[in-house]
N, C-alpha and C. Protein backbone atom coordinates (compact mmCIF):
# COMPACT_ATOMS: atom_id res chain seq x y z
N MET A 1 105.30 -22.82 -0.81
CA MET A 1 105.19 -23.34 -2.16
C MET A 1 105.71 -24.77 -2.16
N SER A 2 105.04 -25.61 -2.92
CA SER A 2 105.50 -26.99 -3.10
C SER A 2 105.19 -27.39 -4.52
N GLY A 3 105.71 -28.51 -4.94
CA GLY A 3 105.41 -28.94 -6.30
C GLY A 3 106.27 -30.08 -6.77
N SER A 4 106.13 -30.32 -8.05
CA SER A 4 106.86 -31.38 -8.72
C SER A 4 107.25 -30.86 -10.11
N VAL A 5 107.82 -31.71 -10.93
CA VAL A 5 108.21 -31.32 -12.28
C VAL A 5 107.00 -30.83 -13.08
N GLY A 6 105.80 -31.35 -12.81
CA GLY A 6 104.63 -31.00 -13.60
C GLY A 6 103.60 -30.13 -12.92
N GLU A 7 103.84 -29.73 -11.66
CA GLU A 7 102.81 -28.97 -10.96
C GLU A 7 103.42 -28.16 -9.82
N LEU A 8 102.95 -26.92 -9.67
CA LEU A 8 103.35 -26.08 -8.54
C LEU A 8 102.12 -25.75 -7.72
N LEU A 9 102.26 -25.74 -6.42
CA LEU A 9 101.20 -25.33 -5.51
C LEU A 9 101.73 -24.09 -4.79
N VAL A 10 101.08 -22.95 -5.05
CA VAL A 10 101.57 -21.68 -4.49
C VAL A 10 100.44 -20.99 -3.74
N LEU A 11 100.81 -20.18 -2.79
CA LEU A 11 99.86 -19.39 -2.01
C LEU A 11 99.74 -18.02 -2.67
N VAL A 12 98.51 -17.60 -2.95
CA VAL A 12 98.29 -16.26 -3.52
C VAL A 12 98.56 -15.26 -2.40
N PRO A 13 99.52 -14.35 -2.61
CA PRO A 13 99.88 -13.43 -1.54
C PRO A 13 98.84 -12.33 -1.31
N ALA A 14 98.80 -11.80 -0.11
CA ALA A 14 97.94 -10.66 0.19
C ALA A 14 98.31 -9.53 -0.74
N GLY A 15 97.32 -8.84 -1.25
CA GLY A 15 97.57 -7.72 -2.16
C GLY A 15 97.71 -8.11 -3.61
N ALA A 16 97.62 -9.42 -3.91
CA ALA A 16 97.72 -9.86 -5.31
C ALA A 16 96.55 -9.29 -6.11
N VAL A 17 96.79 -9.02 -7.39
CA VAL A 17 95.76 -8.48 -8.27
C VAL A 17 95.63 -9.36 -9.50
N THR A 18 94.53 -9.20 -10.22
CA THR A 18 94.29 -9.95 -11.45
C THR A 18 95.39 -9.66 -12.46
N GLY A 19 95.87 -10.70 -13.11
CA GLY A 19 96.90 -10.55 -14.14
C GLY A 19 97.50 -11.89 -14.49
N PRO A 20 98.45 -11.91 -15.41
CA PRO A 20 99.07 -13.18 -15.79
C PRO A 20 99.94 -13.74 -14.66
N ILE A 21 100.12 -15.03 -14.70
CA ILE A 21 101.03 -15.70 -13.77
C ILE A 21 102.28 -16.06 -14.53
N SER A 22 103.43 -15.82 -13.93
CA SER A 22 104.69 -16.19 -14.57
C SER A 22 105.45 -17.14 -13.65
N VAL A 23 106.25 -17.98 -14.27
CA VAL A 23 107.11 -18.92 -13.55
C VAL A 23 108.51 -18.77 -14.11
N THR A 24 109.50 -18.68 -13.24
CA THR A 24 110.89 -18.59 -13.66
C THR A 24 111.64 -19.78 -13.09
N VAL A 25 112.35 -20.47 -13.95
CA VAL A 25 113.22 -21.57 -13.55
C VAL A 25 114.61 -21.24 -14.06
N GLY A 26 115.52 -21.02 -13.14
CA GLY A 26 116.86 -20.57 -13.54
C GLY A 26 116.75 -19.22 -14.23
N SER A 27 117.19 -19.16 -15.47
CA SER A 27 117.12 -17.90 -16.23
C SER A 27 115.98 -17.89 -17.25
N GLN A 28 115.13 -18.93 -17.25
CA GLN A 28 114.04 -19.03 -18.22
C GLN A 28 112.72 -18.73 -17.54
N SER A 29 111.90 -17.88 -18.19
CA SER A 29 110.60 -17.51 -17.65
C SER A 29 109.51 -17.78 -18.68
N VAL A 30 108.31 -18.01 -18.18
CA VAL A 30 107.13 -18.18 -19.03
C VAL A 30 105.95 -17.58 -18.28
N ALA A 31 105.01 -17.02 -19.03
CA ALA A 31 103.78 -16.46 -18.43
C ALA A 31 102.59 -16.98 -19.23
N ASN A 32 101.46 -17.13 -18.54
CA ASN A 32 100.25 -17.57 -19.25
C ASN A 32 99.69 -16.40 -20.05
N SER A 33 98.87 -16.73 -21.06
CA SER A 33 98.35 -15.70 -21.95
C SER A 33 97.01 -15.13 -21.48
N THR A 34 96.41 -15.74 -20.48
CA THR A 34 95.14 -15.22 -19.96
C THR A 34 95.35 -14.79 -18.51
N ASP A 35 94.58 -13.83 -18.08
CA ASP A 35 94.71 -13.34 -16.72
C ASP A 35 94.21 -14.35 -15.70
N PHE A 36 94.96 -14.49 -14.63
CA PHE A 36 94.51 -15.21 -13.44
C PHE A 36 93.68 -14.22 -12.65
N VAL A 37 92.49 -14.62 -12.24
CA VAL A 37 91.56 -13.70 -11.58
C VAL A 37 91.73 -13.77 -10.07
N VAL A 38 92.00 -12.62 -9.47
CA VAL A 38 92.05 -12.49 -8.02
C VAL A 38 90.81 -11.69 -7.63
N ASP A 39 89.92 -12.32 -6.91
CA ASP A 39 88.66 -11.67 -6.51
C ASP A 39 88.60 -11.66 -4.99
N GLN A 40 88.81 -10.50 -4.40
CA GLN A 40 88.84 -10.38 -2.94
C GLN A 40 87.51 -10.75 -2.30
N ASN A 41 86.42 -10.73 -3.08
CA ASN A 41 85.10 -11.07 -2.56
C ASN A 41 84.61 -12.44 -3.03
N ALA A 42 85.53 -13.26 -3.52
CA ALA A 42 85.16 -14.56 -4.08
C ALA A 42 84.47 -15.43 -3.03
N GLN A 43 83.49 -16.13 -3.46
CA GLN A 43 82.77 -17.08 -2.62
C GLN A 43 83.28 -18.49 -2.92
N GLN A 44 83.16 -19.38 -1.97
CA GLN A 44 83.50 -20.78 -2.20
C GLN A 44 82.58 -21.33 -3.29
N PRO A 45 83.09 -22.19 -4.18
CA PRO A 45 82.22 -22.82 -5.17
C PRO A 45 81.13 -23.63 -4.47
N ARG A 46 79.99 -23.71 -5.12
CA ARG A 46 78.84 -24.43 -4.55
C ARG A 46 78.20 -25.27 -5.65
N ILE A 47 77.89 -26.53 -5.36
CA ILE A 47 77.15 -27.39 -6.28
C ILE A 47 75.74 -27.53 -5.76
N ASP A 48 74.76 -27.14 -6.59
CA ASP A 48 73.35 -27.27 -6.22
C ASP A 48 72.71 -28.51 -6.82
N ALA A 49 73.13 -28.87 -8.03
CA ALA A 49 72.52 -30.03 -8.70
C ALA A 49 73.47 -30.59 -9.75
N ILE A 50 73.33 -31.87 -10.01
CA ILE A 50 74.07 -32.56 -11.06
C ILE A 50 73.05 -33.38 -11.83
N ALA A 51 73.08 -33.28 -13.15
CA ALA A 51 72.11 -34.03 -13.96
C ALA A 51 72.80 -34.51 -15.24
N PRO A 52 72.52 -35.73 -15.64
CA PRO A 52 71.73 -36.74 -14.94
C PRO A 52 72.52 -37.36 -13.79
N ASP A 53 71.85 -38.19 -13.02
CA ASP A 53 72.47 -38.84 -11.86
C ASP A 53 73.38 -40.00 -12.24
N VAL A 54 73.09 -40.66 -13.35
CA VAL A 54 73.84 -41.84 -13.78
C VAL A 54 74.14 -41.69 -15.27
N VAL A 55 75.43 -41.88 -15.65
CA VAL A 55 75.84 -41.78 -17.05
C VAL A 55 76.93 -42.79 -17.35
N ASN A 56 77.17 -43.02 -18.63
CA ASN A 56 78.32 -43.79 -19.09
C ASN A 56 79.47 -42.82 -19.35
N ALA A 57 80.70 -43.33 -19.33
CA ALA A 57 81.85 -42.50 -19.68
C ALA A 57 81.64 -41.90 -21.06
N GLY A 58 81.96 -40.63 -21.21
CA GLY A 58 81.79 -39.92 -22.47
C GLY A 58 80.47 -39.17 -22.57
N ALA A 59 79.56 -39.42 -21.63
CA ALA A 59 78.27 -38.73 -21.63
C ALA A 59 78.42 -37.32 -21.06
N THR A 60 77.47 -36.47 -21.35
CA THR A 60 77.48 -35.09 -20.87
C THR A 60 76.80 -35.01 -19.51
N VAL A 61 77.39 -34.21 -18.62
CA VAL A 61 76.85 -33.97 -17.29
C VAL A 61 76.74 -32.47 -17.09
N THR A 62 75.66 -32.00 -16.50
CA THR A 62 75.49 -30.59 -16.19
C THR A 62 75.60 -30.40 -14.69
N VAL A 63 76.50 -29.49 -14.27
CA VAL A 63 76.66 -29.15 -12.86
C VAL A 63 76.10 -27.74 -12.69
N THR A 64 75.14 -27.59 -11.80
CA THR A 64 74.53 -26.29 -11.53
C THR A 64 74.91 -25.87 -10.13
N GLY A 65 75.32 -24.61 -9.97
CA GLY A 65 75.71 -24.14 -8.65
C GLY A 65 76.04 -22.67 -8.67
N GLY A 66 76.89 -22.25 -7.77
CA GLY A 66 77.28 -20.86 -7.69
C GLY A 66 78.77 -20.70 -7.53
N SER A 67 79.29 -19.57 -7.92
CA SER A 67 80.71 -19.24 -7.82
C SER A 67 81.59 -20.31 -8.46
N LEU A 68 81.16 -20.83 -9.60
CA LEU A 68 81.92 -21.86 -10.28
C LEU A 68 83.01 -21.29 -11.19
N TYR A 69 82.90 -20.05 -11.58
CA TYR A 69 83.91 -19.35 -12.38
C TYR A 69 84.52 -20.22 -13.47
N PRO A 70 83.78 -20.50 -14.53
CA PRO A 70 84.32 -21.36 -15.60
C PRO A 70 85.33 -20.63 -16.47
N ILE A 71 86.56 -20.55 -15.99
CA ILE A 71 87.64 -19.87 -16.70
C ILE A 71 88.61 -20.95 -17.20
N PRO A 72 88.91 -20.95 -18.51
CA PRO A 72 89.81 -21.98 -19.05
C PRO A 72 91.12 -22.05 -18.27
N TYR A 73 91.55 -23.26 -17.96
CA TYR A 73 92.78 -23.57 -17.25
C TYR A 73 92.79 -23.13 -15.79
N GLN A 74 91.69 -22.57 -15.30
CA GLN A 74 91.62 -22.17 -13.90
C GLN A 74 90.51 -22.89 -13.16
N THR A 75 89.59 -23.48 -13.90
CA THR A 75 88.47 -24.19 -13.30
C THR A 75 88.58 -25.65 -13.69
N THR A 76 88.54 -26.53 -12.72
CA THR A 76 88.59 -27.96 -13.02
C THR A 76 87.40 -28.66 -12.39
N ALA A 77 87.04 -29.77 -12.96
CA ALA A 77 85.97 -30.60 -12.41
C ALA A 77 86.46 -32.04 -12.42
N ARG A 78 86.07 -32.79 -11.43
CA ARG A 78 86.44 -34.20 -11.34
C ARG A 78 85.21 -35.02 -11.01
N ILE A 79 85.14 -36.19 -11.57
CA ILE A 79 84.13 -37.17 -11.21
C ILE A 79 84.92 -38.36 -10.68
N GLY A 80 84.83 -38.58 -9.38
CA GLY A 80 85.70 -39.57 -8.76
C GLY A 80 87.14 -39.11 -8.94
N ALA A 81 87.99 -39.99 -9.47
CA ALA A 81 89.39 -39.64 -9.68
C ALA A 81 89.66 -39.17 -11.11
N SER A 82 88.62 -39.11 -11.96
CA SER A 82 88.82 -38.75 -13.36
C SER A 82 88.55 -37.28 -13.61
N GLY A 83 89.40 -36.67 -14.40
CA GLY A 83 89.20 -35.28 -14.78
C GLY A 83 88.13 -35.16 -15.83
N CYS A 84 87.55 -33.99 -15.94
CA CYS A 84 86.50 -33.72 -16.91
C CYS A 84 86.92 -32.55 -17.78
N ALA A 85 86.48 -32.58 -19.03
CA ALA A 85 86.65 -31.42 -19.90
C ALA A 85 85.31 -30.70 -19.91
N TRP A 86 85.33 -29.39 -19.76
CA TRP A 86 84.08 -28.64 -19.83
C TRP A 86 84.18 -27.69 -21.00
N TRP A 87 83.06 -27.49 -21.66
CA TRP A 87 83.11 -26.65 -22.85
C TRP A 87 81.98 -25.65 -22.95
N GLY A 88 81.14 -25.57 -21.98
CA GLY A 88 80.07 -24.60 -22.05
C GLY A 88 79.75 -24.05 -20.68
N ALA A 89 79.32 -22.84 -20.64
CA ALA A 89 78.93 -22.24 -19.37
C ALA A 89 77.84 -21.21 -19.63
N ALA A 90 76.91 -21.13 -18.72
CA ALA A 90 75.86 -20.12 -18.81
C ALA A 90 75.63 -19.58 -17.41
N PHE A 91 75.26 -18.33 -17.33
CA PHE A 91 75.02 -17.72 -16.03
C PHE A 91 73.58 -17.22 -15.96
N VAL A 92 72.90 -17.57 -14.88
CA VAL A 92 71.54 -17.09 -14.63
C VAL A 92 71.57 -16.55 -13.21
N ASP A 93 71.44 -15.22 -13.06
CA ASP A 93 71.60 -14.58 -11.76
C ASP A 93 72.97 -14.95 -11.20
N GLU A 94 73.03 -15.42 -9.96
CA GLU A 94 74.31 -15.78 -9.37
C GLU A 94 74.66 -17.25 -9.60
N ARG A 95 73.76 -17.97 -10.29
CA ARG A 95 73.99 -19.40 -10.52
C ARG A 95 74.78 -19.63 -11.79
N ALA A 96 75.60 -20.63 -11.79
CA ALA A 96 76.38 -20.98 -12.98
C ALA A 96 76.03 -22.41 -13.37
N HIS A 97 76.02 -22.66 -14.66
CA HIS A 97 75.76 -24.00 -15.19
C HIS A 97 76.97 -24.40 -16.03
N LEU A 98 77.65 -25.48 -15.67
CA LEU A 98 78.77 -25.98 -16.44
C LEU A 98 78.34 -27.26 -17.13
N VAL A 99 78.72 -27.41 -18.38
CA VAL A 99 78.41 -28.63 -19.11
C VAL A 99 79.73 -29.24 -19.55
N GLY A 100 79.93 -30.52 -19.27
CA GLY A 100 81.18 -31.16 -19.63
C GLY A 100 81.00 -32.65 -19.80
N ALA A 101 82.08 -33.32 -20.08
CA ALA A 101 82.04 -34.77 -20.27
C ALA A 101 83.19 -35.42 -19.54
N LEU A 102 82.95 -36.61 -19.03
CA LEU A 102 83.96 -37.40 -18.37
C LEU A 102 85.02 -37.81 -19.40
N GLN A 103 86.27 -37.58 -19.08
CA GLN A 103 87.35 -37.95 -20.00
C GLN A 103 87.85 -39.34 -19.68
């Protein structure tokens, strides 16, 4: 495990199951309100297409691929060094479509 005041990097242990994540610092604990998903059969995320190819900041971009798992606070997207907010997801067969905007 490593981290800083604002971020922890932890290894998911063998045998972990889906459920909330909790962090304890000294005698104070906090847990998230949504389940962290542990999927023993999870596939690596895959990007098949991005559209459009060129946009201005603030424009909408659609990323199409597989195993993208658009779960709030667990799925992130970046364009270069900038984070993106995503607000929509649709699933067609095993493909996922994420729609978001450059922040």
